[in-house]
Protein backbone atom coordinates (compact mmCIF):
# COMPACT_ATOMS: atom_id res chain seq x y z
CA MET A 1 -96.21 30.98 7.73
CA PHE A 2 -94.04 28.01 6.80
CA SER A 3 -96.29 25.41 8.39
CA ALA A 4 -99.43 26.92 6.83
CA ALA A 5 -97.86 26.95 3.36
CA LEU A 6 -96.59 23.40 3.82
CA SER A 7 -100.00 22.26 4.98
CA SER A 8 -101.63 23.82 1.91
CA TRP A 9 -99.19 22.06 -0.37
CA LEU A 10 -99.78 18.70 1.27
CA VAL A 11 -103.53 19.02 1.05
CA HIS A 12 -103.49 20.44 -2.48
CA PRO A 13 -100.55 18.92 -4.41
CA LEU A 14 -101.82 20.46 -7.66
CA ARG A 15 -102.13 23.89 -6.18
CA GLY A 16 -98.93 23.85 -4.16
CA TRP A 17 -96.58 23.89 -7.14
CA MET A 18 -98.20 27.05 -8.47
CA GLY A 19 -96.28 29.10 -5.92
CA GLU A 20 -96.97 31.51 -3.13
CA ALA A 21 -98.03 34.23 -5.59
CA ASN A 22 -101.13 32.21 -6.29
CA ASN A 23 -102.05 31.41 -2.69
CA ASN A 24 -105.11 33.61 -3.11
CA LEU A 25 -106.38 31.08 -5.67
CA LEU A 26 -106.21 28.09 -3.36
CA MET A 27 -109.97 28.00 -3.00
CA LYS A 28 -110.60 28.24 -6.74
CA GLN A 29 -112.37 25.36 -8.40
CA THR A 30 -110.37 22.76 -10.31
CA ILE A 31 -111.50 21.56 -13.71
CA LEU A 32 -110.45 18.38 -15.52
CA VAL A 33 -110.17 19.05 -19.26
CA THR A 34 -110.06 15.89 -21.34
CA GLY A 35 -108.47 16.33 -24.74
CA GLY A 36 -106.94 19.49 -23.31
CA THR A 37 -103.98 19.64 -25.71
CA GLY A 38 -106.33 19.51 -28.69
CA PHE A 39 -107.61 22.45 -30.68
CA ILE A 40 -110.68 23.41 -28.66
CA GLY A 41 -109.36 21.94 -25.42
CA SER A 42 -106.20 24.05 -25.39
CA HIS A 43 -108.09 27.29 -26.02
CA THR A 44 -110.60 26.39 -23.33
CA THR A 45 -107.79 25.63 -20.90
CA VAL A 46 -106.43 29.13 -21.51
CA GLU A 47 -109.83 30.73 -20.89
CA LEU A 48 -110.36 28.67 -17.72
CA ILE A 49 -106.99 29.68 -16.29
CA GLU A 50 -107.56 33.32 -17.16
CA ALA A 51 -110.97 33.11 -15.46
CA GLY A 52 -109.26 31.93 -12.26
CA TYR A 53 -109.86 28.18 -12.45
CA GLN A 54 -107.16 25.60 -11.93
CA VAL A 55 -106.88 22.99 -14.65
CA VAL A 56 -105.81 19.38 -14.96
CA VAL A 57 -105.36 18.32 -18.59
CA VAL A 58 -105.58 14.71 -19.76
CA ASP A 59 -104.88 13.65 -23.33
CA ASP A 60 -103.53 10.58 -25.09
CA LEU A 61 -101.74 12.81 -27.64
CA SER A 62 -103.14 10.76 -30.52
CA ASN A 63 -104.10 13.93 -32.39
CA SER A 64 -102.16 16.64 -30.57
CA LYS A 65 -98.69 17.49 -29.31
CA ILE A 66 -97.32 17.92 -25.81
CA GLU A 67 -95.72 21.22 -26.89
CA VAL A 68 -99.18 22.78 -26.77
CA LEU A 69 -98.66 23.07 -23.02
CA ASP A 70 -95.77 25.46 -23.71
CA GLY A 71 -98.12 27.77 -25.59
CA ILE A 72 -100.69 27.65 -22.80
CA GLU A 73 -98.00 28.52 -20.26
CA LYS A 74 -96.67 31.42 -22.35
CA ILE A 75 -100.16 32.90 -22.68
CA THR A 76 -101.30 32.48 -19.08
CA GLY A 77 -98.11 32.25 -17.06
CA ILE A 78 -99.33 28.95 -15.64
CA ARG A 79 -98.58 25.44 -16.86
CA PRO A 80 -101.55 23.19 -16.18
CA ALA A 81 -101.05 19.76 -14.66
CA PHE A 82 -100.93 17.11 -17.38
CA GLU A 83 -101.52 13.37 -17.50
CA GLN A 84 -101.11 11.30 -20.66
CA ILE A 85 -103.76 8.60 -20.52
CA ASP A 86 -106.29 6.80 -22.69
CA LEU A 87 -109.73 7.41 -21.20
CA ARG A 88 -110.90 4.01 -22.45
CA ASP A 89 -108.67 2.61 -19.70
CA LYS A 90 -110.84 3.01 -16.61
CA GLU A 91 -108.08 2.15 -14.12
CA ALA A 92 -105.77 4.78 -15.62
CA THR A 93 -108.62 7.29 -15.59
CA GLU A 94 -109.36 6.59 -11.95
CA ARG A 95 -105.72 7.20 -11.06
CA VAL A 96 -106.20 10.79 -12.25
CA PHE A 97 -109.09 11.33 -9.81
CA LYS A 98 -107.05 9.78 -7.00
CA LYS A 99 -104.08 12.02 -7.76
CA TYR A 100 -106.21 15.18 -8.00
CA PRO A 101 -109.04 14.62 -5.50
CA GLN A 102 -110.08 18.29 -5.61
CA ILE A 103 -111.56 18.13 -9.15
CA ASP A 104 -114.95 19.89 -9.14
CA GLY A 105 -115.96 19.64 -12.78
CA ILE A 106 -115.08 18.07 -16.11
CA ILE A 107 -115.07 19.47 -19.63
CA HIS A 108 -115.03 16.45 -21.91
CA PHE A 109 -113.51 17.05 -25.36
CA ALA A 110 -111.54 13.85 -25.87
CA ALA A 111 -112.99 12.05 -28.88
CA SER A 112 -112.24 10.99 -32.43
CA LYS A 113 -113.85 13.65 -34.59
CA ALA A 114 -113.34 13.25 -38.36
CA VAL A 115 -116.60 12.63 -40.24
CA GLY A 116 -114.97 10.91 -43.20
CA GLU A 117 -112.74 8.69 -41.08
CA SER A 118 -115.69 7.64 -38.95
CA VAL A 119 -117.43 6.26 -42.04
CA GLN A 120 -114.35 4.15 -42.76
CA LYS A 121 -113.65 3.16 -39.13
CA PRO A 122 -116.97 3.10 -37.30
CA LEU A 123 -115.96 0.71 -34.50
CA LEU A 124 -112.96 2.86 -33.59
CA TYR A 125 -115.29 5.83 -33.19
CA TYR A 126 -117.91 3.97 -31.15
CA ARG A 127 -115.30 2.51 -28.81
CA ASN A 128 -113.28 5.68 -28.33
CA ASN A 129 -116.10 8.18 -28.06
CA ILE A 130 -118.56 6.19 -25.97
CA VAL A 131 -116.42 4.11 -23.61
CA SER A 132 -114.41 7.16 -22.49
CA LEU A 133 -117.58 9.02 -21.51
CA ILE A 134 -119.02 6.05 -19.61
CA ASN A 135 -115.81 5.71 -17.60
CA LEU A 136 -115.91 9.38 -16.60
CA LEU A 137 -119.59 9.27 -15.64
CA GLU A 138 -119.10 6.19 -13.49
CA LEU A 139 -116.20 7.78 -11.63
CA MET A 140 -117.76 11.20 -11.03
CA PRO A 141 -119.96 10.34 -8.01
CA GLN A 142 -117.17 8.27 -6.45
CA TYR A 143 -114.90 11.32 -6.39
CA ASP A 144 -117.53 13.97 -5.72
CA VAL A 145 -117.22 15.61 -9.13
CA LYS A 146 -120.26 17.83 -9.41
CA GLY A 147 -120.67 18.56 -13.11
CA ILE A 148 -119.63 17.78 -16.66
CA ILE A 149 -119.72 19.93 -19.78
CA PHE A 150 -120.03 17.66 -22.78
CA SER A 151 -118.57 18.58 -26.14
CA SER A 152 -121.52 17.79 -28.38
CA SER A 153 -122.14 18.89 -31.93
CA CYS A 154 -124.70 20.25 -34.34
CA THR A 155 -124.37 16.88 -36.07
CA VAL A 156 -127.05 15.60 -33.67
CA TYR A 157 -129.56 17.51 -35.81
CA GLY A 158 -128.51 15.63 -38.93
CA GLN A 159 -129.60 17.46 -42.05
CA PRO A 160 -132.33 19.79 -40.75
CA LYS A 161 -135.44 20.32 -42.82
CA PRO A 162 -135.60 23.80 -44.40
CA GLU A 163 -138.34 24.90 -42.02
CA ASN A 164 -136.04 24.13 -39.06
CA LEU A 165 -133.20 26.45 -40.14
CA PRO A 166 -131.67 28.02 -38.17
CA VAL A 167 -131.87 25.09 -35.77
CA THR A 168 -132.93 25.65 -32.19
CA GLU A 169 -132.19 23.27 -29.32
CA ASN A 170 -135.70 21.88 -29.77
CA ALA A 171 -135.29 21.05 -33.46
CA PRO A 172 -136.04 17.42 -34.35
CA HIS A 173 -133.00 15.18 -34.58
CA GLN A 174 -132.62 13.65 -38.01
CA LYS A 175 -130.75 10.41 -38.57
CA ALA A 176 -127.02 10.98 -38.16
CA THR A 177 -125.13 11.11 -41.44
CA SER A 178 -121.96 9.53 -39.99
CA PRO A 179 -120.83 7.29 -37.12
CA TYR A 180 -119.11 10.36 -35.63
CA GLY A 181 -122.42 12.21 -35.54
CA ASN A 182 -124.14 9.17 -34.11
CA THR A 183 -121.66 8.94 -31.22
CA LYS A 184 -122.62 12.48 -30.22
CA GLU A 185 -126.30 11.56 -30.30
CA VAL A 186 -125.70 8.37 -28.29
CA ASN A 187 -123.53 10.18 -25.73
CA GLU A 188 -126.16 12.85 -25.21
CA GLN A 189 -128.68 10.10 -24.49
CA ILE A 190 -126.26 8.34 -22.11
CA ILE A 191 -125.82 11.53 -20.08
CA TYR A 192 -129.57 12.15 -20.01
CA ASP A 193 -130.33 8.59 -18.91
CA TYR A 194 -127.65 8.66 -16.23
CA ILE A 195 -128.90 11.90 -14.69
CA HIS A 196 -132.51 10.77 -15.04
CA SER A 197 -131.61 7.64 -13.06
CA GLY A 198 -130.72 9.85 -10.09
CA ALA A 199 -126.97 10.29 -10.53
CA PRO A 200 -125.85 13.21 -8.30
CA ILE A 201 -124.28 15.27 -11.09
CA LYS A 202 -125.21 18.13 -13.38
CA SER A 203 -124.43 18.48 -17.06
CA ILE A 204 -124.57 21.02 -19.86
CA LEU A 205 -124.32 19.71 -23.39
CA LEU A 206 -122.89 22.26 -25.81
CA ARG A 207 -123.90 21.61 -29.41
CA TYR A 208 -121.41 23.63 -31.29
CA PHE A 209 -120.97 24.24 -34.91
CA ASN A 210 -117.65 24.60 -36.81
CA PRO A 211 -114.76 25.95 -34.69
CA ILE A 212 -112.05 27.81 -36.60
CA GLY A 213 -109.22 30.30 -36.04
CA ALA A 214 -106.45 30.50 -33.46
CA HIS A 215 -105.56 32.39 -30.31
CA PRO A 216 -104.62 36.01 -31.15
CA SER A 217 -101.15 35.42 -29.68
CA ALA A 218 -100.54 32.73 -32.34
CA LEU A 219 -99.10 30.58 -29.55
CA ILE A 220 -101.81 27.90 -29.89
CA GLY A 221 -104.08 26.92 -32.74
CA GLU A 222 -105.35 23.97 -34.74
CA LEU A 223 -102.53 21.48 -35.15
CA PRO A 224 -103.74 18.15 -36.53
CA ASN A 225 -101.34 15.25 -36.92
CA GLY A 226 -100.93 14.30 -40.59
CA VAL A 227 -103.31 15.41 -43.31
CA PRO A 228 -106.00 17.74 -41.87
CA ASN A 229 -109.61 16.58 -41.88
CA ASN A 230 -111.01 20.05 -41.18
CA LEU A 231 -111.34 22.81 -43.74
CA ILE A 232 -109.35 25.69 -42.23
CA PRO A 233 -106.04 23.92 -41.50
CA TYR A 234 -106.17 22.50 -45.03
CA VAL A 235 -106.77 26.04 -46.32
CA THR A 236 -103.85 27.49 -44.36
CA GLN A 237 -101.53 24.60 -45.22
CA THR A 238 -102.39 25.06 -48.90
CA ALA A 239 -101.71 28.78 -48.61
CA ALA A 240 -98.35 27.98 -47.01
CA GLY A 241 -97.43 25.53 -49.78
CA ILE A 242 -97.53 22.47 -47.51
CA ARG A 243 -100.50 21.07 -49.44
CA GLU A 244 -100.49 21.31 -53.21
CA GLN A 245 -104.19 21.97 -53.65
CA LEU A 246 -107.40 22.36 -51.67
CA THR A 247 -110.41 20.33 -52.75
CA ILE A 248 -113.92 21.65 -52.12
CA PHE A 249 -116.05 18.54 -51.82
CA GLY A 250 -119.16 19.05 -53.89
CA ASN A 251 -120.48 22.04 -55.85
CA ASP A 252 -123.93 20.69 -56.69
CA TYR A 253 -125.64 21.09 -53.31
CA ASN A 254 -128.91 22.99 -52.99
CA THR A 255 -127.20 26.16 -51.78
CA PRO A 256 -126.64 29.55 -53.45
CA ASP A 257 -123.17 28.65 -54.75
CA GLY A 258 -123.53 24.85 -54.69
CA THR A 259 -121.13 24.27 -51.77
CA CYS A 260 -121.96 23.19 -48.22
CA ILE A 261 -123.02 25.82 -45.68
CA ARG A 262 -121.81 25.80 -42.07
CA ASP A 263 -121.89 28.06 -39.03
CA TYR A 264 -118.20 28.88 -38.43
CA ILE A 265 -117.42 30.00 -34.88
CA TYR A 266 -114.18 31.47 -33.56
CA VAL A 267 -112.50 28.95 -31.27
CA VAL A 268 -111.78 31.60 -28.61
CA ASP A 269 -115.47 32.56 -28.51
CA LEU A 270 -116.31 28.87 -28.25
CA ALA A 271 -113.84 28.40 -25.40
CA LYS A 272 -115.48 31.23 -23.47
CA ALA A 273 -118.83 29.46 -23.82
CA HIS A 274 -117.39 26.49 -21.92
CA VAL A 275 -116.31 28.76 -19.07
CA ALA A 276 -119.80 30.25 -18.90
CA ALA A 277 -121.35 26.78 -18.93
CA MET A 278 -119.04 25.51 -16.18
CA ARG A 279 -119.84 28.51 -14.04
CA ARG A 280 -123.55 27.78 -14.40
CA VAL A 281 -123.18 24.08 -13.57
CA LEU A 282 -121.00 24.58 -10.49
CA ASP A 283 -122.26 27.87 -9.08
CA ASP A 284 -125.95 28.20 -9.96
CA ALA A 285 -127.89 26.04 -7.53
CA ASP A 286 -131.12 26.71 -9.42
CA SER A 287 -129.84 25.54 -12.80
CA PRO A 288 -131.39 22.33 -14.16
CA ALA A 289 -129.60 19.02 -13.78
CA ILE A 290 -129.18 18.82 -17.53
CA ASP A 291 -129.41 21.47 -20.22
CA TYR A 292 -128.55 21.96 -23.89
CA PHE A 293 -127.16 24.97 -25.76
CA ASN A 294 -126.32 25.70 -29.37
CA ILE A 295 -122.94 27.41 -29.62
CA GLY A 296 -122.39 29.21 -32.91
CA THR A 297 -122.68 32.57 -34.62
CA GLY A 298 -126.21 32.17 -35.93
CA ARG A 299 -124.95 32.73 -39.49
CA GLY A 300 -124.17 30.32 -42.31
CA ASN A 301 -121.23 30.59 -44.70
CA SER A 302 -120.52 28.32 -47.64
CA THR A 303 -117.21 26.57 -48.18
CA LEU A 304 -116.60 28.75 -51.20
CA GLU A 305 -117.31 31.88 -49.14
CA ILE A 306 -114.73 30.76 -46.60
CA VAL A 307 -112.10 30.36 -49.31
CA GLN A 308 -112.91 33.76 -50.81
CA THR A 309 -112.98 35.50 -47.41
CA PHE A 310 -109.65 33.92 -46.48
CA GLU A 311 -108.12 35.30 -49.67
CA LYS A 312 -109.55 38.73 -48.91
CA ALA A 313 -108.41 38.72 -45.27
CA THR A 314 -104.86 37.57 -45.99
CA GLY A 315 -104.13 38.66 -49.55
CA VAL A 316 -103.07 35.07 -50.35
CA LYS A 317 -104.50 33.30 -53.39
CA LEU A 318 -105.35 29.66 -52.86
CA ASN A 319 -104.87 26.81 -55.32
CA TRP A 320 -108.18 24.98 -55.12
CA LYS A 321 -110.55 22.85 -57.15
CA PHE A 322 -113.99 21.29 -56.90
CA GLY A 323 -114.19 17.57 -56.18
CA PRO A 324 -116.99 15.03 -55.69
CA ARG A 325 -119.19 15.08 -52.61
CA ARG A 326 -117.76 13.49 -49.47
CA GLU A 327 -119.82 10.81 -47.77
CA GLY A 328 -121.26 11.90 -44.44
CA ASP A 329 -121.26 15.65 -45.12
CA ILE A 330 -124.36 17.66 -44.24
CA GLU A 331 -125.60 20.05 -46.94
CA LYS A 332 -126.40 23.10 -44.82
CA ILE A 333 -126.79 23.94 -41.18
CA TRP A 334 -126.49 26.95 -38.92
CA GLY A 335 -127.78 27.60 -35.45
CA ASP A 336 -130.15 29.74 -33.46
CA CYS A 337 -127.96 30.56 -30.47
CA SER A 338 -130.28 32.95 -28.66
CA LYS A 339 -130.71 30.57 -25.71
CA ALA A 340 -126.97 30.67 -24.96
CA ASN A 341 -126.96 34.44 -25.49
CA LYS A 342 -129.73 34.88 -22.93
CA ILE A 343 -129.07 32.23 -20.28
CA LEU A 344 -125.28 31.93 -20.38
CA GLY A 345 -124.75 35.61 -21.11
CA TRP A 346 -122.47 34.60 -23.97
CA SER A 347 -122.20 35.56 -27.63
CA ALA A 348 -119.87 35.02 -30.60
CA ASP A 349 -119.19 38.30 -32.31
CA THR A 350 -115.66 38.12 -33.77
CA PRO A 351 -115.76 39.09 -37.50
CA LEU A 352 -115.08 36.22 -39.92
CA GLU A 353 -112.19 38.04 -41.61
CA ASP A 354 -110.45 38.49 -38.25
CA VAL A 355 -110.97 34.82 -37.42
CA LEU A 356 -109.48 33.65 -40.71
CA ALA A 357 -106.60 36.11 -40.34
CA SER A 358 -105.85 34.56 -36.92
CA ALA A 359 -105.67 31.10 -38.52
CA TRP A 360 -103.20 32.38 -41.11
CA LYS A 361 -101.10 34.08 -38.42
CA TRP A 362 -100.94 30.76 -36.58
CA GLN A 363 -99.92 28.91 -39.75
CA LYS A 364 -97.13 31.40 -40.43
CA THR A 365 -95.92 30.95 -36.84
CA LEU A 366 -95.71 27.21 -37.43
CA SER A 367 -93.85 27.72 -40.69
CA ASP A 368 -91.28 29.93 -38.95
CA ARG A 369 -90.44 27.35 -36.30
């Protein structure tokens, strides 16, 4: 018994520290989650662990905190392996694959992601979002990594024409409205070209819409460093008195109430979509080498509706005002997600009020710390 356990630990250093209670998981697949301490990455890490996968998290902590690992551990009972690296550094990235040679698949979240900031700092976005992906793709065949789930975005559709709403995966791609959106378009093309060239990997590109909410435990949630760029954390921080006032950017759009319309998806539902996609890439021999899925609710809600629904769900009145339009924002978009419903066996069905209530619960947890 001793020699067998020791042998397992030597062969699988990641798995060995998880203890004898998890010896039955030794043959489970190991997933590298880049940006795994971020908002979507942390929730996906939880869902992967609860689905039986073993996880290695890498993050440079530029827009997240190491304490997120504590929340993951409290929820799952397992603390994932963690490496703090910048994926633009190929040598540092390769050291991760050497340290954890059993990695089967990658879920790639790590990227700069603020639309407004990307307009102001385009080169930062092109360097960070594109170079990191290229490094991962180059290393995958060398270390026998079979598949990658890419965190893409509905921004690849640009501003869809009215006849293309809700957008399907086959909708024409309009010109990106921001450098951030363009990096997603470019990265999709890089993955396609690489696989088309004969690279021995598979990929699913998930084009998701607007993730919001927090884990029902309130142990993890959206935790941006500094002033939030996304709507919901600004809403909750305003409700908590951290921010003086919320600004709704633009009330003269061609929408029913004049504010932008988005497809807001619960982050836990989104995380489960990544697990379904990884399962298809690694376990379904008949799946295509590359595929694309919209991940959303299939419904559109305006910014003003979000504010009003938040107030209804929480009983908290927000101090808000209208401001001028923000450069790079898309007027209205929501997705047709029937392909993911059918092929991945996945759906997003958490009510919006419950999602917004979870975000407020998370904010109150932060305020109590």
